[in-house]
Amino acid sequence: MEKGSDEVLTTREAIRYLKISRPTYFKCIRLGKINATKVGNGWRVLRSELNRFLRGGSGESEGFRGTESHRRE
């Protein structure tokens, strides 16, 4: 596994990493393409999840899931 691949990123960090817009990021979460966890007023995602997304993997990865739904509501 790459160093830092399980780093937890905020929405701002994730959209910078992916180089996509905020609305596109939230759309990917809503559609289940990116697994993220709602924490308070924000969303958190693992860097390894973003790497999986970039490689074109399915939305069903194991790992970072909290008690909240992984889809944006």
Protein backbone atom coordinates (compact mmCIF):
# COMPACT_ATOMS: atom_id res chain seq x y z
CA MET A 1 0.00 0.00 0.00
CA GLU A 2 1.26 3.50 -0.79
CA LYS A 3 2.41 5.72 2.03
CA GLY A 4 -0.41 8.03 3.06
CA SER A 5 -3.02 6.13 1.06
CA ASP A 6 -5.27 5.90 4.13
CA GLU A 7 -5.00 9.57 4.96
CA VAL A 8 -8.42 11.09 5.70
CA LEU A 9 -9.22 14.07 3.48
CA THR A 10 -11.78 16.85 3.81
CA THR A 11 -14.01 17.89 0.92
CA ARG A 12 -11.68 20.75 0.01
CA GLU A 13 -8.63 18.48 0.03
CA ALA A 14 -10.44 15.81 -2.00
CA ILE A 15 -11.60 18.16 -4.75
CA ARG A 16 -8.09 19.61 -5.02
CA TYR A 17 -6.63 16.11 -5.23
CA LEU A 18 -9.14 15.01 -7.88
CA LYS A 19 -9.07 18.38 -9.69
CA ILE A 20 -12.86 18.41 -10.03
CA SER A 21 -15.52 20.90 -8.97
CA ARG A 22 -17.33 20.72 -5.64
CA PRO A 23 -20.70 19.93 -7.31
CA THR A 24 -19.11 17.11 -9.31
CA TYR A 25 -17.53 15.69 -6.15
CA PHE A 26 -20.87 15.68 -4.32
CA LYS A 27 -22.57 14.12 -7.35
CA CYS A 28 -20.03 11.27 -7.29
CA ILE A 29 -20.73 10.72 -3.58
CA ARG A 30 -24.50 10.80 -4.16
CA LEU A 31 -24.25 8.29 -7.00
CA GLY A 32 -22.05 6.00 -4.90
CA LYS A 33 -19.01 6.40 -7.15
CA ILE A 34 -17.00 7.72 -4.19
CA ASN A 35 -17.50 6.27 -0.72
CA ALA A 36 -17.37 9.06 1.84
CA THR A 37 -18.58 9.52 5.40
CA LYS A 38 -20.57 12.46 6.72
CA VAL A 39 -18.84 13.92 9.79
CA GLY A 40 -20.66 16.83 11.38
CA ASN A 41 -21.33 19.35 8.62
CA GLY A 42 -18.68 17.97 6.29
CA TRP A 43 -17.60 14.86 4.44
CA ARG A 44 -14.46 12.76 4.88
CA VAL A 45 -12.92 10.33 2.42
CA LEU A 46 -9.81 8.18 2.39
CA ARG A 47 -7.10 9.02 -0.13
CA SER A 48 -7.07 5.31 -1.06
CA GLU A 49 -10.77 5.63 -1.98
CA LEU A 50 -9.99 8.55 -4.28
CA ASN A 51 -7.19 6.54 -5.88
CA ARG A 52 -9.63 3.66 -6.43
CA PHE A 53 -12.09 6.09 -8.00
CA LEU A 54 -9.39 7.49 -10.30
CA ARG A 55 -8.42 3.97 -11.41
CA GLY A 56 -12.06 3.40 -12.37
CA GLY A 57 -12.87 0.87 -9.65
CA SER A 58 -16.39 0.06 -8.52
CA GLY A 59 -18.09 2.06 -5.77
CA GLU A 60 -18.08 -0.92 -3.43
CA SER A 61 -14.77 -0.65 -1.62
CA GLU A 62 -14.13 -1.93 1.87
CA GLY A 63 -12.85 0.28 4.62
CA PHE A 64 -13.80 3.77 5.67
CA ARG A 65 -17.47 3.81 6.49
CA GLY A 66 -18.97 5.43 9.52
CA THR A 67 -22.45 5.23 10.93
CA GLU A 68 -23.73 7.71 8.36
CA SER A 69 -24.68 6.71 4.85
CA HIS A 70 -21.84 6.88 2.34
CA ARG A 71 -24.08 8.76 -0.07
CA ARG A 72 -24.79 12.47 0.15
CA GLU A 73 -28.29 13.27 1.31
